[in-house]
C-alpha atoms as a PDB file:
ATOM      1  CA  MET A   1       0.076  -0.317  -0.184  1.00  0.00           C
ATOM      2  CA  HIS A   2       1.344   3.179  -0.879  1.00  0.00           C
ATOM      3  CA  LEU A   3       0.498   6.483   0.629  1.00  0.00           C
ATOM      4  CA  GLN A   4       0.782   9.808  -0.845  1.00  0.00           C
ATOM      5  CA  LYS A   5       2.154  12.515   0.937  1.00  0.00           C
ATOM      6  CA  ALA A   6      -1.452  14.094   1.472  1.00  0.00           C
ATOM      7  CA  GLN A   7      -2.844  11.146   2.956  1.00  0.00           C
ATOM      8  CA  VAL A   8       0.176  11.264   5.185  1.00  0.00           C
ATOM      9  CA  ALA A   9      -0.284  14.782   6.373  1.00  0.00           C
ATOM     10  CA  HIS A  10      -3.619  14.002   7.198  1.00  0.00           C
ATOM     11  CA  LEU A  11      -3.380  10.884   9.678  1.00  0.00           C
ATOM     12  CA  LEU A  12      -0.173  12.685  11.399  1.00  0.00           C
ATOM     13  CA  LEU A  13      -1.995  16.223  11.851  1.00  0.00           C
ATOM     14  CA  PRO A  14      -4.325  14.423  14.181  1.00  0.00           C
ATOM     15  CA  LEU A  15      -1.792  12.665  15.953  1.00  0.00           C
ATOM     16  CA  PHE A  16       0.292  15.722  16.126  1.00  0.00           C
ATOM     17  CA  CYS A  17      -2.472  17.853  17.998  1.00  0.00           C
ATOM     18  CA  CYS A  18      -3.083  15.002  20.868  1.00  0.00           C
ATOM     19  CA  VAL A  19       0.539  15.713  21.673  1.00  0.00           C
ATOM     20  CA  LEU A  20       0.056  18.960  21.818  1.00  0.00           C
ATOM     21  CA  THR A  21      -2.864  19.079  23.549  1.00  0.00           C
ATOM     22  CA  ALA A  22      -1.381  16.472  26.092  1.00  0.00           C
ATOM     23  CA  CYS A  23       1.770  18.940  26.570  1.00  0.00           C
ATOM     24  CA  ASN A  24      -0.710  21.854  27.908  1.00  0.00           C
ATOM     25  CA  LEU A  25      -2.778  19.149  30.064  1.00  0.00           C
ATOM     26  CA  LYS A  26       0.091  17.880  31.730  1.00  0.00           C
ATOM     27  CA  PRO A  27       2.517  20.999  32.771  1.00  0.00           C
ATOM     28  CA  TYR A  28       6.771  19.723  32.015  1.00  0.00           C
ATOM     29  CA  THR A  29      10.032  21.846  33.106  1.00  0.00           C
ATOM     30  CA  LEU A  30      12.784  22.179  30.576  1.00  0.00           C
ATOM     31  CA  VAL A  31      16.379  21.301  32.165  1.00  0.00           C
ATOM     32  CA  LEU A  32      19.449  22.113  31.456  1.00  0.00           C
ATOM     33  CA  ASN A  33      22.625  21.591  33.977  1.00  0.00           C
ATOM     34  CA  ASP A  34      20.037  21.147  36.761  1.00  0.00           C
ATOM     35  CA  ASN A  35      18.669  25.092  35.956  1.00  0.00           C
ATOM     36  CA  ILE A  36      15.279  25.313  34.964  1.00  0.00           C
ATOM     37  CA  VAL A  37      15.481  26.507  30.904  1.00  0.00           C
ATOM     38  CA  TYR A  38      11.748  26.259  30.919  1.00  0.00           C
ATOM     39  CA  THR A  39       8.139  25.985  32.652  1.00  0.00           C
ATOM     40  CA  PRO A  40       4.731  26.519  31.581  1.00  0.00           C
ATOM     41  CA  ASN A  41       3.890  27.012  35.199  1.00  0.00           C
ATOM     42  CA  GLU A  42       1.454  30.373  36.261  1.00  0.00           C
ATOM     43  CA  SER A  43       4.909  31.919  37.816  1.00  0.00           C
ATOM     44  CA  LEU A  44       6.182  32.265  33.951  1.00  0.00           C
ATOM     45  CA  ARG A  45       3.471  33.225  32.578  1.00  0.00           C
ATOM     46  CA  ASN A  46       3.134  36.209  35.096  1.00  0.00           C
ATOM     47  CA  ALA A  47       7.238  37.020  35.709  1.00  0.00           C
ATOM     48  CA  THR A  48       7.611  38.328  38.656  1.00  0.00           C
ATOM     49  CA  THR A  49      11.058  39.844  38.204  1.00  0.00           C
ATOM     50  CA  GLN A  50      12.559  41.570  35.213  1.00  0.00           C
ATOM     51  CA  ASP A  51      15.530  39.240  35.184  1.00  0.00           C
ATOM     52  CA  PRO A  52      14.745  35.844  33.224  1.00  0.00           C
ATOM     53  CA  ALA A  53      18.116  34.587  34.905  1.00  0.00           C
ATOM     54  CA  LEU A  54      16.464  35.488  38.541  1.00  0.00           C
ATOM     55  CA  GLN A  55      12.742  34.387  36.997  1.00  0.00           C
ATOM     56  CA  ALA A  56      14.363  31.283  36.213  1.00  0.00           C
ATOM     57  CA  CYS A  57      15.693  30.904  39.764  1.00  0.00           C
ATOM     58  CA  LEU A  58      12.429  31.683  41.663  1.00  0.00           C
ATOM     59  CA  ASP A  59      10.135  29.463  39.410  1.00  0.00           C
ATOM     60  CA  GLN A  60      12.785  26.485  40.529  1.00  0.00           C
ATOM     61  CA  ALA A  61      12.329  27.518  44.249  1.00  0.00           C
ATOM     62  CA  LEU A  62       8.658  27.696  43.809  1.00  0.00           C
ATOM     63  CA  GLU A  63       8.861  24.338  41.753  1.00  0.00           C
ATOM     64  CA  ARG A  64      10.787  22.470  44.560  1.00  0.00           C
ATOM     65  CA  SER A  65       9.194  23.873  47.691  1.00  0.00           C
ATOM     66  CA  LYS A  66       5.565  23.181  45.983  1.00  0.00           C
ATOM     67  CA  LEU A  67       4.740  26.421  46.682  1.00  0.00           C
ATOM     68  CA  SER A  68       2.604  29.126  43.795  1.00  0.00           C
ATOM     69  CA  ASP A  69       2.692  32.582  45.755  1.00  0.00           C
ATOM     70  CA  PRO A  70       6.872  34.404  45.158  1.00  0.00           C
ATOM     71  CA  ALA A  71       5.407  36.260  48.432  1.00  0.00           C
ATOM     72  CA  THR A  72       5.795  33.033  50.296  1.00  0.00           C
ATOM     73  CA  VAL A  73       9.558  32.352  49.458  1.00  0.00           C
ATOM     74  CA  THR A  74      11.628  32.350  52.390  1.00  0.00           C
ATOM     75  CA  LEU A  75      15.535  31.196  51.068  1.00  0.00           C
ATOM     76  CA  LEU A  76      16.194  31.812  47.463  1.00  0.00           C
ATOM     77  CA  ALA A  77      19.379  30.299  45.595  1.00  0.00           C
ATOM     78  CA  CYS A  78      20.720  31.881  42.710  1.00  0.00           C
ATOM     79  CA  ALA A  79      24.439  31.515  42.445  1.00  0.00           C
ATOM     80  CA  GLY A  80      26.247  31.678  39.150  1.00  0.00           C
ATOM     81  CA  ALA A  81      23.038  32.169  37.602  1.00  0.00           C
ATOM     82  CA  GLY A  82      24.139  34.999  35.100  1.00  0.00           C
ATOM     83  CA  VAL A  83      21.450  37.407  37.269  1.00  0.00           C
ATOM     84  CA  GLN A  84      22.129  41.079  36.242  1.00  0.00           C
ATOM     85  CA  THR A  85      19.262  42.717  37.601  1.00  0.00           C
ATOM     86  CA  LEU A  86      17.235  42.619  40.502  1.00  0.00           C
ATOM     87  CA  ALA A  87      14.147  44.580  39.434  1.00  0.00           C
ATOM     88  CA  GLY A  88      11.006  42.724  40.624  1.00  0.00           C
ATOM     89  CA  ILE A  89      12.203  41.008  43.611  1.00  0.00           C
ATOM     90  CA  GLU A  90      10.606  43.277  46.003  1.00  0.00           C
ATOM     91  CA  ALA A  91       7.565  40.908  45.033  1.00  0.00           C
ATOM     92  CA  LEU A  92       9.512  38.376  48.011  1.00  0.00           C
ATOM     93  CA  VAL A  93       8.031  40.583  50.817  1.00  0.00           C
ATOM     94  CA  ASN A  94       9.264  37.063  53.107  1.00  0.00           C
ATOM     95  CA  LEU A  95      12.121  36.571  51.702  1.00  0.00           C
ATOM     96  CA  GLU A  96      15.006  36.279  54.986  1.00  0.00           C
ATOM     97  CA  GLN A  97      18.196  34.823  53.017  1.00  0.00           C
ATOM     98  CA  LEU A  98      18.817  35.462  49.595  1.00  0.00           C
ATOM     99  CA  GLU A  99      22.317  34.073  47.610  1.00  0.00           C
ATOM    100  CA  LEU A 100      23.057  35.746  44.760  1.00  0.00           C
ATOM    101  CA  SER A 101      27.245  35.314  44.427  1.00  0.00           C
ATOM    102  CA  GLY A 102      28.797  35.179  41.029  1.00  0.00           C
ATOM    103  CA  ASN A 103      26.684  37.038  38.950  1.00  0.00           C
ATOM    104  CA  ALA A 104      26.629  40.655  36.845  1.00  0.00           C
ATOM    105  CA  ILE A 105      24.453  42.131  39.760  1.00  0.00           C
ATOM    106  CA  THR A 106      25.204  46.207  39.849  1.00  0.00           C
ATOM    107  CA  ASN A 107      22.199  47.817  41.107  1.00  0.00           C
ATOM    108  CA  LEU A 108      21.042  46.977  44.758  1.00  0.00           C
ATOM    109  CA  SER A 109      17.947  49.385  45.396  1.00  0.00           C
ATOM    110  CA  PRO A 110      15.169  46.833  44.643  1.00  0.00           C
ATOM    111  CA  LEU A 111      16.472  44.969  48.031  1.00  0.00           C
ATOM    112  CA  ILE A 112      15.428  48.226  49.805  1.00  0.00           C
ATOM    113  CA  PRO A 113      11.623  46.824  50.331  1.00  0.00           C
ATOM    114  CA  LEU A 114      13.102  43.309  51.519  1.00  0.00           C
ATOM    115  CA  LYS A 115      12.380  43.833  55.707  1.00  0.00           C
ATOM    116  CA  LYS A 116      13.029  40.738  56.358  1.00  0.00           C
ATOM    117  CA  LEU A 117      16.491  39.816  54.775  1.00  0.00           C
ATOM    118  CA  ARG A 118      18.612  38.448  57.338  1.00  0.00           C
ATOM    119  CA  VAL A 119      21.078  36.952  54.868  1.00  0.00           C
ATOM    120  CA  LEU A 120      22.492  38.272  51.802  1.00  0.00           C
ATOM    121  CA  GLY A 121      25.648  36.598  49.774  1.00  0.00           C
ATOM    122  CA  LEU A 122      26.973  39.093  46.767  1.00  0.00           C
ATOM    123  CA  ARG A 123      29.933  37.537  46.513  1.00  0.00           C
ATOM    124  CA  ASN A 124      31.681  38.029  43.206  1.00  0.00           C
ATOM    125  CA  ASN A 125      29.177  40.802  41.173  1.00  0.00           C
ATOM    126  CA  ARG A 126      29.512  44.105  39.969  1.00  0.00           C
ATOM    127  CA  VAL A 127      28.575  46.012  42.832  1.00  0.00           C
ATOM    128  CA  GLY A 128      29.174  49.776  42.947  1.00  0.00           C
ATOM    129  CA  ASP A 129      26.904  51.244  45.814  1.00  0.00           C
ATOM    130  CA  ALA A 130      26.176  49.161  48.742  1.00  0.00           C
ATOM    131  CA  ARG A 131      24.132  51.961  51.001  1.00  0.00           C
ATOM    132  CA  PRO A 132      20.808  50.161  49.923  1.00  0.00           C
ATOM    133  CA  LEU A 133      21.961  47.623  52.652  1.00  0.00           C
ATOM    134  CA  ASP A 134      21.896  50.102  55.013  1.00  0.00           C
ATOM    135  CA  GLU A 135      17.777  50.308  54.459  1.00  0.00           C
ATOM    136  CA  LEU A 136      17.480  46.157  55.840  1.00  0.00           C
ATOM    137  CA  PRO A 137      17.314  46.484  59.265  1.00  0.00           C
ATOM    138  CA  ILE A 138      17.526  42.779  60.590  1.00  0.00           C
ATOM    139  CA  LEU A 139      20.317  42.322  57.934  1.00  0.00           C
ATOM    140  CA  ARG A 140      22.934  40.043  60.161  1.00  0.00           C
ATOM    141  CA  PHE A 141      25.472  38.241  57.634  1.00  0.00           C
ATOM    142  CA  LEU A 142      26.526  40.019  54.460  1.00  0.00           C
ATOM    143  CA  SER A 143      29.519  39.011  51.675  1.00  0.00           C
ATOM    144  CA  LEU A 144      30.629  41.231  49.235  1.00  0.00           C
ATOM    145  CA  GLU A 145      34.095  39.777  48.658  1.00  0.00           C
ATOM    146  CA  GLY A 146      34.916  40.355  44.736  1.00  0.00           C
ATOM    147  CA  ASN A 147      33.407  43.717  44.629  1.00  0.00           C
ATOM    148  CA  GLU A 148      36.006  45.876  44.300  1.00  0.00           C
ATOM    149  CA  GLY A 149      34.133  48.823  43.641  1.00  0.00           C
ATOM    150  CA  VAL A 150      32.511  49.920  46.440  1.00  0.00           C
ATOM    151  CA  PRO A 151      33.771  52.994  48.474  1.00  0.00           C
ATOM    152  CA  CYS A 152      35.711  52.430  51.393  1.00  0.00           C
ATOM    153  CA  ARG A 153      33.239  54.659  53.775  1.00  0.00           C
ATOM    154  CA  GLN A 154      30.611  52.336  53.109  1.00  0.00           C
ATOM    155  CA  LEU A 155      32.244  49.270  53.694  1.00  0.00           C
ATOM    156  CA  ALA A 156      33.501  50.676  56.881  1.00  0.00           C
ATOM    157  CA  ALA A 157      29.944  51.324  57.774  1.00  0.00           C
ATOM    158  CA  LEU A 158      28.745  47.803  56.975  1.00  0.00           C
ATOM    159  CA  GLU A 159      31.774  46.369  58.529  1.00  0.00           C
ATOM    160  CA  GLN A 160      30.916  48.301  62.158  1.00  0.00           C
ATOM    161  CA  ARG A 161      27.215  47.224  61.692  1.00  0.00           C
ATOM    162  CA  LEU A 162      27.518  43.572  61.145  1.00  0.00           C
ATOM    163  CA  GLY A 163      31.544  42.959  62.439  1.00  0.00           C
ATOM    164  CA  ASN A 164      32.663  39.595  61.877  1.00  0.00           C
ATOM    165  CA  THR A 165      29.713  38.120  59.882  1.00  0.00           C
ATOM    166  CA  PHE A 166      30.701  40.819  57.002  1.00  0.00           C
ATOM    167  CA  GLY A 167      32.777  39.630  54.402  1.00  0.00           C
ATOM    168  CA  ARG A 168      34.600  42.563  53.390  1.00  0.00           C
ATOM    169  CA  PRO A 169      36.405  42.741  49.590  1.00  0.00           C
ATOM    170  CA  GLN A 170      39.852  43.121  49.048  1.00  0.00           C
ATOM    171  CA  SER A 171      39.987  46.453  48.105  1.00  0.00           C
ATOM    172  CA  CYS A 172      38.090  49.590  47.608  1.00  0.00           C
ATOM    173  CA  ILE A 173      37.627  53.002  46.085  1.00  0.00           C
ATOM    174  CA  ASN A 174      38.362  56.624  47.848  1.00  0.00           C
END
């Protein structure tokens, strides 16, 4: 029996539609090197943050903890995730611990509303202004090693406030 191309297309089209429909009924996650690359969950469709890497990290945290509301997240670890901006992170109002080492973050002002933040890891980023951290009332641990562009006065104030729980860069600017 020899089928023509048009007949094959008519047979395969319904099968293809069924496969696509099944994908929509059962959510899936595409993962590469233990990092979520794509997930069709509600959080991704209604992005909380502007940075795709930070959003992917948040989606992964929500998936792992079986949470759906970003405001319920208390711990977020996005080390080496390629995060460049923190815009939108202020939606994580209950965040207590945040690990962002090894990214390309320059602006810390989106952290100001996170009044419950106690632990912050920012090693090896591109931070040049640490003043927004003064607005975090219960910050108890801070790591800024590898951020050599922070003014010395700001680092001295953080060191006085946090003592030995502050990881200071090796150098600073005057």
